[in-house]
Amino acid sequence: MNIKRIFGAALTVLGVGFLIYTAILFSGTGSPVKPMIIYGVLGFVFFLSGMGLIRTMNDAA
């Protein structure tokens, strides 16, 4: 059980959630731009950091 891999997966899922929420805000009419930028950047950062954690882990048994 690798804690870094679990944390990386959690960050990736959280990032995807933020990106989906940004897409929902973008599709709505009359929504301000500031929350879209904030959630979009947070989602992008979480997604990339989670993928980086998963990618750099070695499968040493």
PDB file of N, CA and C in Angstrom:
ATOM      1  N   MET A   1       0.852  -1.178   0.000  1.00  0.00           N
ATOM      2  CA  MET A   1       0.000   0.000   0.000  1.00  0.00           C
ATOM      3  C   MET A   1       0.892   1.234   0.000  1.00  0.00           C
ATOM      4  N   ASN A   2       0.880   1.933  -1.098  1.00  0.00           N
ATOM      5  CA  ASN A   2       1.752   3.071  -1.251  1.00  0.00           C
ATOM      6  C   ASN A   2       0.969   4.363  -1.035  1.00  0.00           C
ATOM      7  N   ILE A   3       1.376   5.116  -0.014  1.00  0.00           N
ATOM      8  CA  ILE A   3       0.652   6.333   0.347  1.00  0.00           C
ATOM      9  C   ILE A   3       0.772   7.397  -0.737  1.00  0.00           C
ATOM     10  N   LYS A   4       1.952   7.513  -1.355  1.00  0.00           N
ATOM     11  CA  LYS A   4       2.119   8.517  -2.405  1.00  0.00           C
ATOM     12  C   LYS A   4       1.224   8.228  -3.606  1.00  0.00           C
ATOM     13  N   ARG A   5       1.063   6.969  -3.947  1.00  0.00           N
ATOM     14  CA  ARG A   5       0.214   6.616  -5.080  1.00  0.00           C
ATOM     15  C   ARG A   5      -1.257   6.927  -4.761  1.00  0.00           C
ATOM     16  N   ILE A   6      -1.682   6.642  -3.541  1.00  0.00           N
ATOM     17  CA  ILE A   6      -3.062   6.948  -3.136  1.00  0.00           C
ATOM     18  C   ILE A   6      -3.285   8.455  -3.120  1.00  0.00           C
ATOM     19  N   PHE A   7      -2.310   9.200  -2.578  1.00  0.00           N
ATOM     20  CA  PHE A   7      -2.422  10.659  -2.544  1.00  0.00           C
ATOM     21  C   PHE A   7      -2.419  11.229  -3.963  1.00  0.00           C
ATOM     22  N   GLY A   8      -1.622  10.667  -4.852  1.00  0.00           N
ATOM     23  CA  GLY A   8      -1.605  11.102  -6.239  1.00  0.00           C
ATOM     24  C   GLY A   8      -2.940  10.854  -6.923  1.00  0.00           C
ATOM     25  N   ALA A   9      -3.535   9.699  -6.651  1.00  0.00           N
ATOM     26  CA  ALA A   9      -4.847   9.393  -7.234  1.00  0.00           C
ATOM     27  C   ALA A   9      -5.910  10.345  -6.692  1.00  0.00           C
ATOM     28  N   ALA A  10      -5.841  10.654  -5.399  1.00  0.00           N
ATOM     29  CA  ALA A  10      -6.810  11.573  -4.806  1.00  0.00           C
ATOM     30  C   ALA A  10      -6.670  12.974  -5.406  1.00  0.00           C
ATOM     31  N   LEU A  11      -5.424  13.433  -5.588  1.00  0.00           N
ATOM     32  CA  LEU A  11      -5.213  14.747  -6.197  1.00  0.00           C
ATOM     33  C   LEU A  11      -5.707  14.771  -7.634  1.00  0.00           C
ATOM     34  N   THR A  12      -5.502  13.689  -8.352  1.00  0.00           N
ATOM     35  CA  THR A  12      -5.957  13.626  -9.736  1.00  0.00           C
ATOM     36  C   THR A  12      -7.481  13.692  -9.812  1.00  0.00           C
ATOM     37  N   VAL A  13      -8.148  12.946  -8.959  1.00  0.00           N
ATOM     38  CA  VAL A  13      -9.619  12.957  -8.943  1.00  0.00           C
ATOM     39  C   VAL A  13     -10.138  14.331  -8.536  1.00  0.00           C
ATOM     40  N   LEU A  14      -9.477  14.953  -7.561  1.00  0.00           N
ATOM     41  CA  LEU A  14      -9.888  16.290  -7.131  1.00  0.00           C
ATOM     42  C   LEU A  14      -9.683  17.305  -8.256  1.00  0.00           C
ATOM     43  N   GLY A  15      -8.584  17.181  -8.980  1.00  0.00           N
ATOM     44  CA  GLY A  15      -8.330  18.068 -10.109  1.00  0.00           C
ATOM     45  C   GLY A  15      -9.360  17.905 -11.212  1.00  0.00           C
ATOM     46  N   VAL A  16      -9.723  16.665 -11.508  1.00  0.00           N
ATOM     47  CA  VAL A  16     -10.752  16.413 -12.525  1.00  0.00           C
ATOM     48  C   VAL A  16     -12.087  16.999 -12.065  1.00  0.00           C
ATOM     49  N   GLY A  17     -12.382  16.885 -10.784  1.00  0.00           N
ATOM     50  CA  GLY A  17     -13.614  17.465 -10.246  1.00  0.00           C
ATOM     51  C   GLY A  17     -13.657  18.973 -10.411  1.00  0.00           C
ATOM     52  N   PHE A  18     -12.541  19.630 -10.113  1.00  0.00           N
ATOM     53  CA  PHE A  18     -12.480  21.083 -10.297  1.00  0.00           C
ATOM     54  C   PHE A  18     -12.617  21.464 -11.766  1.00  0.00           C
ATOM     55  N   LEU A  19     -12.000  20.701 -12.653  1.00  0.00           N
ATOM     56  CA  LEU A  19     -12.105  21.014 -14.075  1.00  0.00           C
ATOM     57  C   LEU A  19     -13.526  20.810 -14.592  1.00  0.00           C
ATOM     58  N   ILE A  20     -14.204  19.785 -14.101  1.00  0.00           N
ATOM     59  CA  ILE A  20     -15.608  19.578 -14.488  1.00  0.00           C
ATOM     60  C   ILE A  20     -16.480  20.713 -13.958  1.00  0.00           C
ATOM     61  N   TYR A  21     -16.214  21.146 -12.725  1.00  0.00           N
ATOM     62  CA  TYR A  21     -16.977  22.255 -12.155  1.00  0.00           C
ATOM     63  C   TYR A  21     -16.736  23.538 -12.947  1.00  0.00           C
ATOM     64  N   THR A  22     -15.499  23.746 -13.406  1.00  0.00           N
ATOM     65  CA  THR A  22     -15.196  24.900 -14.244  1.00  0.00           C
ATOM     66  C   THR A  22     -15.970  24.837 -15.555  1.00  0.00           C
ATOM     67  N   ALA A  23     -16.072  23.644 -16.134  1.00  0.00           N
ATOM     68  CA  ALA A  23     -16.833  23.491 -17.369  1.00  0.00           C
ATOM     69  C   ALA A  23     -18.316  23.774 -17.134  1.00  0.00           C
ATOM     70  N   ILE A  24     -18.837  23.375 -15.986  1.00  0.00           N
ATOM     71  CA  ILE A  24     -20.242  23.656 -15.664  1.00  0.00           C
ATOM     72  C   ILE A  24     -20.448  25.158 -15.504  1.00  0.00           C
ATOM     73  N   LEU A  25     -19.507  25.831 -14.823  1.00  0.00           N
ATOM     74  CA  LEU A  25     -19.621  27.282 -14.682  1.00  0.00           C
ATOM     75  C   LEU A  25     -19.528  27.974 -16.039  1.00  0.00           C
ATOM     76  N   PHE A  26     -18.676  27.450 -16.916  1.00  0.00           N
ATOM     77  CA  PHE A  26     -18.508  28.048 -18.240  1.00  0.00           C
ATOM     78  C   PHE A  26     -19.769  27.915 -19.079  1.00  0.00           C
ATOM     79  N   SER A  27     -20.482  26.818 -18.914  1.00  0.00           N
ATOM     80  CA  SER A  27     -21.680  26.601 -19.718  1.00  0.00           C
ATOM     81  C   SER A  27     -22.873  27.410 -19.217  1.00  0.00           C
ATOM     82  N   GLY A  28     -22.828  27.853 -17.968  1.00  0.00           N
ATOM     83  CA  GLY A  28     -23.921  28.658 -17.424  1.00  0.00           C
ATOM     84  C   GLY A  28     -23.886  30.070 -17.959  1.00  0.00           C
ATOM     85  N   THR A  29     -25.036  30.681 -18.024  1.00  0.00           N
ATOM     86  CA  THR A  29     -25.101  32.048 -18.539  1.00  0.00           C
ATOM     87  C   THR A  29     -25.000  33.025 -17.379  1.00  0.00           C
ATOM     88  N   GLY A  30     -24.285  34.095 -17.597  1.00  0.00           N
ATOM     89  CA  GLY A  30     -24.195  35.152 -16.598  1.00  0.00           C
ATOM     90  C   GLY A  30     -23.257  34.841 -15.454  1.00  0.00           C
ATOM     91  N   SER A  31     -22.424  33.815 -15.568  1.00  0.00           N
ATOM     92  CA  SER A  31     -21.506  33.494 -14.473  1.00  0.00           C
ATOM     93  C   SER A  31     -20.257  34.363 -14.594  1.00  0.00           C
ATOM     94  N   PRO A  32     -19.743  34.831 -13.461  1.00  0.00           N
ATOM     95  CA  PRO A  32     -18.553  35.677 -13.503  1.00  0.00           C
ATOM     96  C   PRO A  32     -17.296  34.891 -13.907  1.00  0.00           C
ATOM     97  N   VAL A  33     -16.332  35.586 -14.412  1.00  0.00           N
ATOM     98  CA  VAL A  33     -15.123  34.963 -14.937  1.00  0.00           C
ATOM     99  C   VAL A  33     -14.169  34.581 -13.820  1.00  0.00           C
ATOM    100  N   LYS A  34     -14.144  35.336 -12.729  1.00  0.00           N
ATOM    101  CA  LYS A  34     -13.180  35.111 -11.656  1.00  0.00           C
ATOM    102  C   LYS A  34     -13.266  33.701 -11.063  1.00  0.00           C
ATOM    103  N   PRO A  35     -14.455  33.181 -10.707  1.00  0.00           N
ATOM    104  CA  PRO A  35     -14.496  31.798 -10.187  1.00  0.00           C
ATOM    105  C   PRO A  35     -14.065  30.757 -11.224  1.00  0.00           C
ATOM    106  N   MET A  36     -14.352  31.017 -12.496  1.00  0.00           N
ATOM    107  CA  MET A  36     -13.920  30.069 -13.525  1.00  0.00           C
ATOM    108  C   MET A  36     -12.402  30.003 -13.596  1.00  0.00           C
ATOM    109  N   ILE A  37     -11.756  31.140 -13.478  1.00  0.00           N
ATOM    110  CA  ILE A  37     -10.296  31.164 -13.520  1.00  0.00           C
ATOM    111  C   ILE A  37      -9.714  30.475 -12.287  1.00  0.00           C
ATOM    112  N   ILE A  38     -10.263  30.769 -11.118  1.00  0.00           N
ATOM    113  CA  ILE A  38      -9.751  30.197  -9.872  1.00  0.00           C
ATOM    114  C   ILE A  38      -9.902  28.680  -9.871  1.00  0.00           C
ATOM    115  N   TYR A  39     -11.104  28.190 -10.155  1.00  0.00           N
ATOM    116  CA  TYR A  39     -11.326  26.743 -10.140  1.00  0.00           C
ATOM    117  C   TYR A  39     -10.589  26.038 -11.275  1.00  0.00           C
ATOM    118  N   GLY A  40     -10.466  26.689 -12.402  1.00  0.00           N
ATOM    119  CA  GLY A  40      -9.737  26.102 -13.516  1.00  0.00           C
ATOM    120  C   GLY A  40      -8.254  25.943 -13.206  1.00  0.00           C
ATOM    121  N   VAL A  41      -7.662  26.975 -12.617  1.00  0.00           N
ATOM    122  CA  VAL A  41      -6.235  26.903 -12.267  1.00  0.00           C
ATOM    123  C   VAL A  41      -6.007  25.877 -11.165  1.00  0.00           C
ATOM    124  N   LEU A  42      -6.864  25.874 -10.149  1.00  0.00           N
ATOM    125  CA  LEU A  42      -6.732  24.870  -9.081  1.00  0.00           C
ATOM    126  C   LEU A  42      -6.878  23.453  -9.624  1.00  0.00           C
ATOM    127  N   GLY A  43      -7.835  23.248 -10.492  1.00  0.00           N
ATOM    128  CA  GLY A  43      -8.029  21.928 -11.079  1.00  0.00           C
ATOM    129  C   GLY A  43      -6.829  21.497 -11.904  1.00  0.00           C
ATOM    130  N   PHE A  44      -6.278  22.419 -12.679  1.00  0.00           N
ATOM    131  CA  PHE A  44      -5.116  22.111 -13.501  1.00  0.00           C
ATOM    132  C   PHE A  44      -3.903  21.767 -12.639  1.00  0.00           C
ATOM    133  N   VAL A  45      -3.682  22.542 -11.567  1.00  0.00           N
ATOM    134  CA  VAL A  45      -2.541  22.290 -10.671  1.00  0.00           C
ATOM    135  C   VAL A  45      -2.708  20.958  -9.946  1.00  0.00           C
ATOM    136  N   PHE A  46      -3.898  20.683  -9.412  1.00  0.00           N
ATOM    137  CA  PHE A  46      -4.127  19.418  -8.707  1.00  0.00           C
ATOM    138  C   PHE A  46      -3.984  18.236  -9.651  1.00  0.00           C
ATOM    139  N   PHE A  47      -4.511  18.369 -10.853  1.00  0.00           N
ATOM    140  CA  PHE A  47      -4.432  17.276 -11.816  1.00  0.00           C
ATOM    141  C   PHE A  47      -2.978  16.985 -12.194  1.00  0.00           C
ATOM    142  N   LEU A  48      -2.222  18.021 -12.488  1.00  0.00           N
ATOM    143  CA  LEU A  48      -0.827  17.810 -12.876  1.00  0.00           C
ATOM    144  C   LEU A  48       0.027  17.280 -11.726  1.00  0.00           C
ATOM    145  N   SER A  49      -0.205  17.766 -10.515  1.00  0.00           N
ATOM    146  CA  SER A  49       0.582  17.268  -9.382  1.00  0.00           C
ATOM    147  C   SER A  49       0.222  15.824  -9.063  1.00  0.00           C
ATOM    148  N   GLY A  50      -1.036  15.464  -9.179  1.00  0.00           N
ATOM    149  CA  GLY A  50      -1.435  14.074  -8.958  1.00  0.00           C
ATOM    150  C   GLY A  50      -0.860  13.142 -10.003  1.00  0.00           C
ATOM    151  N   MET A  51      -0.906  13.573 -11.258  1.00  0.00           N
ATOM    152  CA  MET A  51      -0.320  12.751 -12.312  1.00  0.00           C
ATOM    153  C   MET A  51       1.193  12.639 -12.152  1.00  0.00           C
ATOM    154  N   GLY A  52       1.837  13.700 -11.696  1.00  0.00           N
ATOM    155  CA  GLY A  52       3.276  13.653 -11.451  1.00  0.00           C
ATOM    156  C   GLY A  52       3.636  12.680 -10.340  1.00  0.00           C
ATOM    157  N   LEU A  53       2.833  12.647  -9.286  1.00  0.00           N
ATOM    158  CA  LEU A  53       3.084  11.699  -8.202  1.00  0.00           C
ATOM    159  C   LEU A  53       2.900  10.262  -8.668  1.00  0.00           C
ATOM    160  N   ILE A  54       1.875  10.022  -9.442  1.00  0.00           N
ATOM    161  CA  ILE A  54       1.628   8.661  -9.927  1.00  0.00           C
ATOM    162  C   ILE A  54       2.724   8.235 -10.906  1.00  0.00           C
ATOM    163  N   ARG A  55       3.145   9.136 -11.763  1.00  0.00           N
ATOM    164  CA  ARG A  55       4.127   8.797 -12.788  1.00  0.00           C
ATOM    165  C   ARG A  55       5.502   8.503 -12.206  1.00  0.00           C
ATOM    166  N   THR A  56       5.911   9.214 -11.161  1.00  0.00           N
ATOM    167  CA  THR A  56       7.258   9.053 -10.631  1.00  0.00           C
ATOM    168  C   THR A  56       7.404   7.897  -9.655  1.00  0.00           C
ATOM    169  N   MET A  57       6.333   7.221  -9.324  1.00  0.00           N
ATOM    170  CA  MET A  57       6.414   6.103  -8.386  1.00  0.00           C
ATOM    171  C   MET A  57       6.954   4.862  -9.077  1.00  0.00           C
ATOM    172  N   ASN A  58       7.855   4.159  -8.399  1.00  0.00           N
ATOM    173  CA  ASN A  58       8.403   2.918  -8.923  1.00  0.00           C
ATOM    174  C   ASN A  58       7.624   1.736  -8.377  1.00  0.00           C
ATOM    175  N   ASP A  59       7.456   0.713  -9.195  1.00  0.00           N
ATOM    176  CA  ASP A  59       6.774  -0.498  -8.765  1.00  0.00           C
ATOM    177  C   ASP A  59       7.793  -1.535  -8.315  1.00  0.00           C
ATOM    178  N   ALA A  60       8.420  -1.291  -7.190  1.00  0.00           N
ATOM    179  CA  ALA A  60       9.404  -2.232  -6.661  1.00  0.00           C
ATOM    180  C   ALA A  60       8.702  -3.187  -5.711  1.00  0.00           C
ATOM    181  N   ALA A  61       8.785  -4.457  -6.028  1.00  0.00           N
ATOM    182  CA  ALA A  61       8.106  -5.451  -5.197  1.00  0.00           C
ATOM    183  C   ALA A  61       9.094  -6.188  -4.332  1.00  0.00           C
TER     184      ALA A  61
END
